[in-house]
Amino acid sequence: MTDPVPMAPGQTGTALPVADGLELKSAMQGFAQDFDAFQAEITRKLSQTEERLTMLDRKTAFTPARPVLSQADAGSSLHHKAFDAYLRRGDESPMRGLEIETKGLNTLEPVDGGYLVDPQTADAIKSTLSATASIRAIATVVTVESSSFDVLIDHTDVASGWATEDDPVTESATPKIDRIPVRLHELSAMPKASQRLLDDSAFDVEGWLAGRIASKFARAEAAAFIHGDGVDKPRGFLDHDTEADAEADWGEIGYIATGVAGDFASTNPADAIVDLVYALGASYRANAVFVMNSKTAGAVRKMKDNDGRFLWSDGLAAGEPARLMGYPVLVAEDMPDIATNSYAIAFGDFAAGYTIAERPDMRVLRDPFSAKPHVLFYATKRVGGDVSDFKAIKLLKFGVE
């Protein structure tokens, strides 16, 4: 039997045996050690969690500064989702959220609810327009922020003369500058799709919209750059006054006649092509291009010179244009067919002779109400065009004179 533990002076009750007190003390010490180990483990895990959160925050903060390795890294997914949400459901909230995030790639127009088309769609449309057989491919294209673009033309010269050492120098005439305004006009397209089609997650709404608008815009502007009358559309180079090349003044486009109404001459038909080439000034011929439609090209490519060689030669490499007398040929279907007094062939330096001005933004408005159950997409783009140098373009007239 264990001897009782002596009581301290003033204590009452029965004291624990010495051995039991030692076991209790040992148990308390073991518990304290286990608790300290548990607390240390919790502290360690919390510290690790804080370190991981800190590293995550740092990665998130520096993600936009990483090199762009792919389109996904460029942050385009959120941008596309926002634009896609607007096209499918008219949801404007993601667009507002990205107004600052994308640094102006999408701009909200509070006045009328219009949005600039997203960069991916705009790039697709631009590439399609450039690939279309249009004067756009050979003309000068400028981007402006205003409603017009003024082309300054100096078509005079500074007078000069020979002088001796003692003779007084005569004052030269000062050149005069002409201002040709190229006004911008609104080109529009309005494709539509059913809401069910837009709700289909497998449907590429951006690709569809780009293709429809590109096709519409390409056809409309290609025709206007050739035949447009300048009223709410660009003015085409065939809309200007024409005159026999020897008598053409500024503001008129000179032409060479084939000598036969509605056809080439029966003998030496290629002479008209040669005359057309050399009617153009030498300074323009270096960058000159023939423009005609497919029917005219089919007739011209049969022509041979006096030695039996074809004047027409196809491009030697893929994508290289065909050549006529060594000059590139642009086959533009909006050029007129060979007919009496028609101007079926144009030849000139169109980079100097024709200027296209356009705004950089294309706007898309979503209309879910006017054509239910379809959704209309009203796309607009502002573009203008006009002749900027009348001496840089010559025409072949299929007429007697």
Protein backbone atom coordinates (compact mmCIF):
# COMPACT_ATOMS: atom_id res chain seq x y z
CA MET A 1 0.00 0.00 0.00
CA THR A 2 1.38 3.42 -0.97
CA ASP A 3 2.17 5.79 1.82
CA PRO A 4 0.02 8.94 1.75
CA VAL A 5 1.62 12.21 0.70
CA PRO A 6 2.19 14.51 3.69
CA MET A 7 -0.23 17.44 3.88
CA ALA A 8 1.04 20.97 3.75
CA PRO A 9 0.37 23.10 6.80
CA GLY A 10 -3.15 24.50 6.70
CA GLN A 11 -4.42 21.95 4.01
CA THR A 12 -7.39 19.73 4.67
CA GLY A 13 -8.50 16.47 3.03
CA THR A 14 -6.67 13.38 2.01
CA ALA A 15 -3.39 13.77 0.10
CA LEU A 16 -2.59 11.69 -3.04
CA PRO A 17 0.07 9.05 -2.82
CA VAL A 18 3.52 10.07 -4.13
CA ALA A 19 3.44 7.59 -7.06
CA ASP A 20 0.03 8.79 -8.31
CA GLY A 21 1.21 12.39 -8.23
CA LEU A 22 4.24 11.51 -10.34
CA GLU A 23 2.06 9.73 -12.94
CA LEU A 24 -0.31 12.71 -13.16
CA LYS A 25 2.61 15.10 -13.61
CA SER A 26 4.09 12.87 -16.30
CA ALA A 27 0.73 12.71 -18.09
CA MET A 28 0.36 16.50 -17.99
CA GLN A 29 3.84 16.94 -19.42
CA GLY A 30 3.08 14.46 -22.24
CA PHE A 31 -0.16 16.28 -23.05
CA ALA A 32 1.66 19.62 -23.11
CA GLN A 33 4.28 18.21 -25.48
CA ASP A 34 1.63 16.74 -27.80
CA PHE A 35 -0.27 20.03 -27.79
CA ASP A 36 2.90 21.98 -28.61
CA ALA A 37 3.63 19.59 -31.50
CA PHE A 38 0.03 19.96 -32.78
CA GLN A 39 0.25 23.72 -32.54
CA ALA A 40 3.58 23.73 -34.38
CA GLU A 41 2.11 21.57 -37.16
CA ILE A 42 -0.89 23.90 -37.53
CA THR A 43 1.42 26.91 -37.65
CA ARG A 44 3.59 25.21 -40.28
CA LYS A 45 0.60 24.40 -42.49
CA LEU A 46 -0.80 27.93 -42.14
CA SER A 47 2.59 29.31 -43.11
CA GLN A 48 2.72 27.07 -46.18
CA THR A 49 -0.79 28.13 -47.18
CA GLU A 50 0.14 31.80 -46.84
CA GLU A 51 3.24 31.25 -48.98
CA ARG A 52 1.19 29.56 -51.70
CA LEU A 53 -1.37 32.39 -51.68
CA THR A 54 1.40 34.96 -51.89
CA MET A 55 2.98 33.17 -54.85
CA LEU A 56 -0.44 32.94 -56.54
CA ASP A 57 -1.01 36.66 -56.07
CA ARG A 58 2.37 37.40 -57.55
CA LYS A 59 1.72 35.20 -60.56
CA THR A 60 -1.68 36.81 -61.09
CA ALA A 61 -0.21 40.28 -60.80
CA PHE A 62 2.54 39.63 -63.35
CA THR A 63 0.60 37.47 -65.82
CA PRO A 64 -0.15 40.33 -68.31
CA ALA A 65 3.59 41.08 -68.54
CA ARG A 66 4.55 37.60 -69.71
CA PRO A 67 5.62 37.18 -73.34
CA VAL A 68 2.65 36.33 -75.55
CA LEU A 69 3.30 32.77 -76.68
CA SER A 70 -0.12 32.14 -78.17
CA GLN A 71 -3.40 33.89 -78.82
CA ALA A 72 -4.76 32.38 -75.60
CA ASP A 73 -1.93 34.05 -73.65
CA ALA A 74 -2.86 37.41 -75.12
CA GLY A 75 -5.93 37.63 -72.89
CA SER A 76 -8.23 37.25 -75.85
CA SER A 77 -10.46 34.65 -74.24
CA LEU A 78 -12.17 37.14 -71.94
CA HIS A 79 -12.35 39.63 -74.78
CA HIS A 80 -13.99 37.12 -77.13
CA LYS A 81 -16.35 35.90 -74.43
CA ALA A 82 -17.52 39.45 -73.80
CA PHE A 83 -18.08 40.20 -77.49
CA ASP A 84 -19.64 36.79 -78.03
CA ALA A 85 -22.03 37.42 -75.12
CA TYR A 86 -23.06 40.72 -76.72
CA LEU A 87 -23.72 39.10 -80.10
CA ARG A 88 -25.60 36.10 -78.71
CA ARG A 89 -27.61 37.62 -75.87
CA GLY A 90 -27.08 41.38 -75.99
CA ASP A 91 -25.32 41.16 -72.63
CA GLU A 92 -23.51 44.49 -72.23
CA SER A 93 -22.06 43.98 -68.76
CA PRO A 94 -18.92 42.06 -69.84
CA MET A 95 -18.22 44.74 -72.46
CA ARG A 96 -18.32 47.45 -69.80
CA GLY A 97 -16.07 45.40 -67.58
CA LEU A 98 -13.47 45.11 -70.34
CA GLU A 99 -13.53 48.76 -71.33
CA ILE A 100 -10.52 49.50 -69.10
CA GLU A 101 -9.04 46.00 -69.08
CA THR A 102 -8.51 45.92 -72.85
CA LYS A 103 -7.19 49.49 -73.05
CA GLY A 104 -9.70 50.65 -75.65
CA LEU A 105 -9.89 47.55 -77.85
CA ASN A 106 -13.62 47.65 -77.19
CA THR A 107 -15.20 51.08 -76.87
CA LEU A 108 -18.72 51.54 -75.54
CA GLU A 109 -20.73 54.28 -77.26
CA PRO A 110 -23.28 55.36 -74.61
CA VAL A 111 -25.13 57.63 -77.04
CA ASP A 112 -26.52 54.94 -79.31
CA GLY A 113 -25.33 51.66 -77.86
CA GLY A 114 -22.82 50.91 -80.63
CA TYR A 115 -19.67 48.88 -80.12
CA LEU A 116 -16.46 48.74 -82.07
CA VAL A 117 -16.05 45.33 -83.60
CA ASP A 118 -13.49 43.23 -81.75
CA PRO A 119 -9.94 43.05 -83.19
CA GLN A 120 -10.16 39.42 -84.31
CA THR A 121 -13.27 40.06 -86.40
CA ALA A 122 -11.85 43.28 -87.81
CA ASP A 123 -8.66 41.53 -88.90
CA ALA A 124 -10.66 38.84 -90.67
CA ILE A 125 -12.71 41.41 -92.55
CA LYS A 126 -9.68 43.45 -93.55
CA SER A 127 -7.85 40.43 -94.93
CA THR A 128 -10.91 39.40 -96.94
CA LEU A 129 -11.30 42.89 -98.40
CA SER A 130 -7.62 43.04 -99.36
CA ALA A 131 -7.86 39.66 -101.05
CA THR A 132 -10.87 40.71 -103.14
CA ALA A 133 -10.24 41.85 -106.75
CA SER A 134 -10.88 45.52 -106.10
CA ILE A 135 -9.19 48.84 -106.77
CA ARG A 136 -8.42 48.76 -103.05
CA ALA A 137 -5.58 46.33 -103.85
CA ILE A 138 -3.71 48.86 -106.01
CA ALA A 139 -4.92 52.27 -104.76
CA THR A 140 -3.56 54.33 -101.89
CA VAL A 141 -5.51 53.54 -98.70
CA VAL A 142 -5.32 55.97 -95.78
CA THR A 143 -6.89 55.78 -92.32
CA VAL A 144 -8.44 58.98 -90.99
CA GLU A 145 -10.30 60.08 -87.87
CA SER A 146 -12.35 62.82 -89.54
CA SER A 147 -15.18 62.87 -92.06
CA SER A 148 -12.94 63.62 -95.06
CA PHE A 149 -9.38 63.45 -96.31
CA ASP A 150 -7.88 66.23 -98.42
CA VAL A 151 -5.38 65.29 -101.11
CA LEU A 152 -3.06 68.18 -101.99
CA ILE A 153 -1.99 68.20 -105.62
CA ASP A 154 0.69 70.40 -107.17
CA HIS A 155 0.19 69.94 -110.91
CA THR A 156 2.05 73.10 -111.95
CA ASP A 157 5.77 73.69 -112.09
CA VAL A 158 8.21 76.35 -111.02
CA ALA A 159 9.27 78.49 -113.97
CA SER A 160 12.96 78.58 -114.73
CA GLY A 161 15.33 79.94 -117.35
CA TRP A 162 18.96 80.33 -118.27
CA ALA A 163 20.73 83.43 -117.06
CA THR A 164 24.09 85.07 -117.61
CA GLU A 165 26.34 86.52 -114.98
CA ASP A 166 25.21 90.10 -115.59
CA ASP A 167 21.53 89.63 -116.50
CA PRO A 168 18.93 90.18 -113.74
CA VAL A 169 17.09 87.09 -112.52
CA THR A 170 13.42 87.06 -113.42
CA GLU A 171 11.03 86.11 -110.62
CA SER A 172 9.57 82.62 -111.14
CA ALA A 173 5.87 81.89 -111.03
CA THR A 174 4.74 80.29 -107.77
CA PRO A 175 3.21 76.79 -108.05
CA LYS A 176 -0.47 76.47 -107.22
CA ILE A 177 -1.78 73.77 -104.91
CA ASP A 178 -5.12 72.09 -105.62
CA ARG A 179 -7.09 70.49 -102.80
CA ILE A 180 -9.10 67.36 -103.66
CA PRO A 181 -11.43 66.35 -100.80
CA VAL A 182 -12.14 62.63 -100.38
CA ARG A 183 -15.33 62.49 -98.33
CA LEU A 184 -16.24 59.47 -96.24
CA HIS A 185 -19.58 57.76 -96.69
CA GLU A 186 -21.28 55.11 -94.59
CA LEU A 187 -21.21 51.56 -95.90
CA SER A 188 -23.61 49.24 -94.10
CA ALA A 189 -24.62 45.59 -93.94
CA MET A 190 -27.30 43.87 -91.88
CA PRO A 191 -26.97 40.08 -91.69
CA LYS A 192 -29.35 38.15 -89.45
CA ALA A 193 -29.41 34.86 -87.56
CA SER A 194 -32.01 33.05 -85.50
CA GLN A 195 -31.66 33.25 -81.75
CA ARG A 196 -31.56 29.44 -81.60
CA LEU A 197 -28.57 29.44 -83.91
CA LEU A 198 -26.83 32.04 -81.76
CA ASP A 199 -27.54 30.03 -78.63
CA ASP A 200 -25.79 26.99 -80.11
CA SER A 201 -22.45 26.84 -78.34
CA ALA A 202 -20.83 25.11 -81.33
CA PHE A 203 -21.67 28.00 -83.67
CA ASP A 204 -18.81 30.42 -84.44
CA VAL A 205 -20.80 33.62 -84.35
CA GLU A 206 -17.77 35.85 -84.88
CA GLY A 207 -16.58 33.93 -87.92
CA TRP A 208 -20.06 33.93 -89.40
CA LEU A 209 -20.49 37.66 -88.86
CA ALA A 210 -17.07 38.45 -90.33
CA GLY A 211 -17.74 36.40 -93.45
CA ARG A 212 -21.15 37.91 -94.14
CA ILE A 213 -20.04 41.50 -93.61
CA ALA A 214 -16.81 41.04 -95.55
CA SER A 215 -18.65 39.69 -98.56
CA LYS A 216 -21.19 42.50 -98.53
CA PHE A 217 -18.68 45.28 -98.01
CA ALA A 218 -16.25 43.91 -100.61
CA ARG A 219 -18.87 43.84 -103.35
CA ALA A 220 -20.32 47.24 -102.52
CA GLU A 221 -17.07 49.16 -102.28
CA ALA A 222 -15.45 47.44 -105.30
CA ALA A 223 -18.32 48.63 -107.50
CA ALA A 224 -18.28 52.14 -106.01
CA PHE A 225 -14.53 52.62 -106.60
CA ILE A 226 -15.18 52.11 -110.32
CA HIS A 227 -18.74 53.34 -111.02
CA GLY A 228 -19.75 55.27 -107.88
CA ASP A 229 -21.30 58.69 -108.49
CA GLY A 230 -20.05 60.25 -105.25
CA VAL A 231 -23.57 60.65 -103.83
CA ASP A 232 -23.58 58.86 -100.46
CA LYS A 233 -20.84 56.59 -101.83
CA PRO A 234 -17.26 56.88 -103.10
CA ARG A 235 -16.78 58.35 -106.56
CA GLY A 236 -15.41 55.90 -109.10
CA PHE A 237 -12.77 56.83 -111.64
CA LEU A 238 -15.14 55.99 -114.53
CA ASP A 239 -17.65 58.57 -113.24
CA HIS A 240 -15.35 61.47 -114.14
CA ASP A 241 -15.42 63.26 -117.46
CA THR A 242 -13.32 61.72 -120.22
CA GLU A 243 -11.61 63.27 -123.20
CA ALA A 244 -9.31 62.15 -125.98
CA ASP A 245 -5.88 61.94 -124.42
CA ALA A 246 -4.34 64.67 -126.58
CA GLU A 247 -7.05 67.13 -125.46
CA ALA A 248 -7.65 66.06 -121.85
CA ASP A 249 -7.33 68.75 -119.19
CA TRP A 250 -7.03 68.46 -115.43
CA GLY A 251 -10.29 67.03 -114.09
CA GLU A 252 -10.72 64.80 -117.15
CA ILE A 253 -9.34 61.30 -117.73
CA GLY A 254 -7.72 60.83 -121.11
CA TYR A 255 -8.57 57.89 -123.35
CA ILE A 256 -7.24 56.12 -126.42
CA ALA A 257 -9.79 54.87 -128.97
CA THR A 258 -9.54 51.46 -130.65
CA GLY A 259 -10.94 52.89 -133.89
CA VAL A 260 -13.77 50.35 -134.04
CA ALA A 261 -17.11 50.58 -132.25
CA GLY A 262 -17.33 47.82 -129.66
CA ASP A 263 -14.20 45.91 -130.68
CA PHE A 264 -10.49 46.01 -131.43
CA ALA A 265 -9.31 46.80 -134.94
CA SER A 266 -9.41 43.83 -137.27
CA THR A 267 -5.78 44.35 -138.28
CA ASN A 268 -3.07 44.78 -135.67
CA PRO A 269 -5.54 44.84 -132.75
CA ALA A 270 -2.70 44.99 -130.21
CA ASP A 271 -1.70 48.46 -131.44
CA ALA A 272 -4.42 49.98 -129.26
CA ILE A 273 -2.87 48.34 -126.18
CA VAL A 274 0.55 49.72 -127.11
CA ASP A 275 -0.87 53.20 -127.65
CA LEU A 276 -2.61 53.02 -124.27
CA VAL A 277 0.62 52.12 -122.48
CA TYR A 278 2.61 54.96 -123.99
CA ALA A 279 -0.17 57.50 -123.48
CA LEU A 280 0.70 57.30 -119.80
CA GLY A 281 3.60 59.45 -118.66
CA ALA A 282 6.91 57.69 -118.07
CA SER A 283 6.94 58.64 -114.38
CA TYR A 284 3.66 56.74 -113.91
CA ARG A 285 4.44 53.68 -116.03
CA ALA A 286 6.88 52.21 -113.48
CA ASN A 287 4.00 51.35 -111.12
CA ALA A 288 1.22 51.02 -113.69
CA VAL A 289 -1.41 48.24 -113.69
CA PHE A 290 -4.02 47.14 -116.22
CA VAL A 291 -7.60 46.83 -114.91
CA MET A 292 -10.28 44.83 -116.77
CA ASN A 293 -12.91 42.17 -116.16
CA SER A 294 -12.70 38.49 -117.02
CA LYS A 295 -14.47 38.74 -120.39
CA THR A 296 -12.11 41.44 -121.57
CA ALA A 297 -9.12 39.52 -120.26
CA GLY A 298 -10.25 36.50 -122.26
CA ALA A 299 -10.19 38.56 -125.46
CA VAL A 300 -6.89 40.31 -124.73
CA ARG A 301 -4.91 37.22 -123.80
CA LYS A 302 -5.37 35.85 -127.35
CA MET A 303 -3.47 38.77 -128.86
CA LYS A 304 -0.01 38.30 -130.35
CA ASP A 305 2.67 40.66 -131.54
CA ASN A 306 4.08 40.73 -135.07
CA ASP A 307 6.45 37.89 -134.17
CA GLY A 308 3.63 35.62 -133.02
CA ARG A 309 4.32 35.99 -129.29
CA PHE A 310 1.43 36.42 -126.88
CA LEU A 311 1.22 39.83 -125.21
CA TRP A 312 -0.31 38.14 -122.14
CA SER A 313 1.77 36.04 -119.75
CA ASP A 314 0.53 34.24 -116.65
CA GLY A 315 2.24 34.65 -113.31
CA LEU A 316 5.21 32.37 -112.79
CA ALA A 317 4.61 31.93 -109.05
CA ALA A 318 1.50 31.27 -106.99
CA GLY A 319 -0.30 34.51 -106.20
CA GLU A 320 1.65 36.52 -108.78
CA PRO A 321 -0.65 38.47 -111.13
CA ALA A 322 -0.80 37.88 -114.85
CA ARG A 323 1.01 40.43 -116.99
CA LEU A 324 0.16 42.23 -120.20
CA MET A 325 3.14 43.72 -122.02
CA GLY A 326 5.07 43.23 -118.81
CA TYR A 327 2.59 45.14 -116.59
CA PRO A 328 0.42 43.47 -113.89
CA VAL A 329 -3.25 42.86 -114.62
CA LEU A 330 -5.97 43.27 -111.98
CA VAL A 331 -9.12 41.39 -113.00
CA ALA A 332 -11.95 43.45 -111.48
CA GLU A 333 -15.37 42.13 -112.43
CA ASP A 334 -17.01 45.55 -111.98
CA MET A 335 -15.23 46.91 -115.05
CA PRO A 336 -17.56 47.17 -118.06
CA ASP A 337 -17.63 44.59 -120.85
CA ILE A 338 -16.36 45.38 -124.33
CA ALA A 339 -19.19 47.30 -126.01
CA THR A 340 -19.68 50.35 -128.18
CA ASN A 341 -17.93 53.35 -126.59
CA SER A 342 -17.31 51.48 -123.34
CA TYR A 343 -14.15 51.98 -121.30
CA ALA A 344 -13.42 48.31 -120.73
CA ILE A 345 -9.68 48.66 -119.98
CA ALA A 346 -7.94 51.09 -117.65
CA PHE A 347 -4.20 51.50 -117.32
CA GLY A 348 -2.37 53.62 -114.81
CA ASP A 349 -0.55 54.14 -111.56
CA PHE A 350 -3.56 53.79 -109.27
CA ALA A 351 -1.46 54.30 -106.14
CA ALA A 352 -0.96 57.86 -107.37
CA GLY A 353 -4.24 58.20 -109.24
CA TYR A 354 -6.85 56.97 -106.76
CA THR A 355 -7.10 57.47 -103.00
CA ILE A 356 -9.30 55.54 -100.57
CA ALA A 357 -9.92 57.01 -97.13
CA GLU A 358 -11.60 55.07 -94.32
CA ARG A 359 -12.25 55.20 -90.61
CA PRO A 360 -10.41 52.55 -88.55
CA ASP A 361 -13.47 51.41 -86.64
CA MET A 362 -16.37 49.27 -87.75
CA ARG A 363 -19.43 49.37 -85.50
CA VAL A 364 -21.95 46.62 -84.87
CA LEU A 365 -25.43 47.21 -83.44
CA ARG A 366 -27.51 44.25 -82.23
CA ASP A 367 -31.25 44.38 -82.93
CA PRO A 368 -33.26 41.49 -81.42
CA PHE A 369 -36.68 43.14 -81.91
CA SER A 370 -37.22 44.11 -85.58
CA ALA A 371 -37.15 40.64 -87.14
CA LYS A 372 -38.21 38.17 -84.44
CA PRO A 373 -37.33 35.32 -84.03
CA HIS A 374 -34.16 36.49 -85.79
CA VAL A 375 -31.50 38.87 -84.49
CA LEU A 376 -30.25 41.56 -86.86
CA PHE A 377 -26.66 42.81 -86.77
CA TYR A 378 -26.36 46.29 -88.25
CA ALA A 379 -22.70 46.83 -89.18
CA THR A 380 -21.43 50.15 -90.49
CA LYS A 381 -18.11 51.36 -91.84
CA ARG A 382 -17.20 54.77 -93.22
CA VAL A 383 -15.18 54.82 -96.42
CA GLY A 384 -14.60 57.20 -99.32
CA GLY A 385 -12.65 57.27 -102.55
CA ASP A 386 -11.90 59.53 -105.50
CA VAL A 387 -9.39 60.26 -108.23
CA SER A 388 -6.41 62.13 -106.80
CA ASP A 389 -4.29 62.50 -109.97
CA PHE A 390 -6.04 62.60 -113.34
CA LYS A 391 -2.79 62.22 -115.25
CA ALA A 392 -2.05 58.87 -113.60
CA ILE A 393 -4.96 56.96 -115.25
CA LYS A 394 -5.70 56.34 -118.91
CA LEU A 395 -8.65 54.49 -120.50
CA LEU A 396 -9.13 52.41 -123.65
CA LYS A 397 -12.35 53.38 -125.40
CA PHE A 398 -13.94 50.82 -127.70
CA GLY A 399 -15.13 53.39 -130.18
CA VAL A 400 -14.26 55.12 -133.40
CA GLU A 401 -12.93 58.25 -131.75
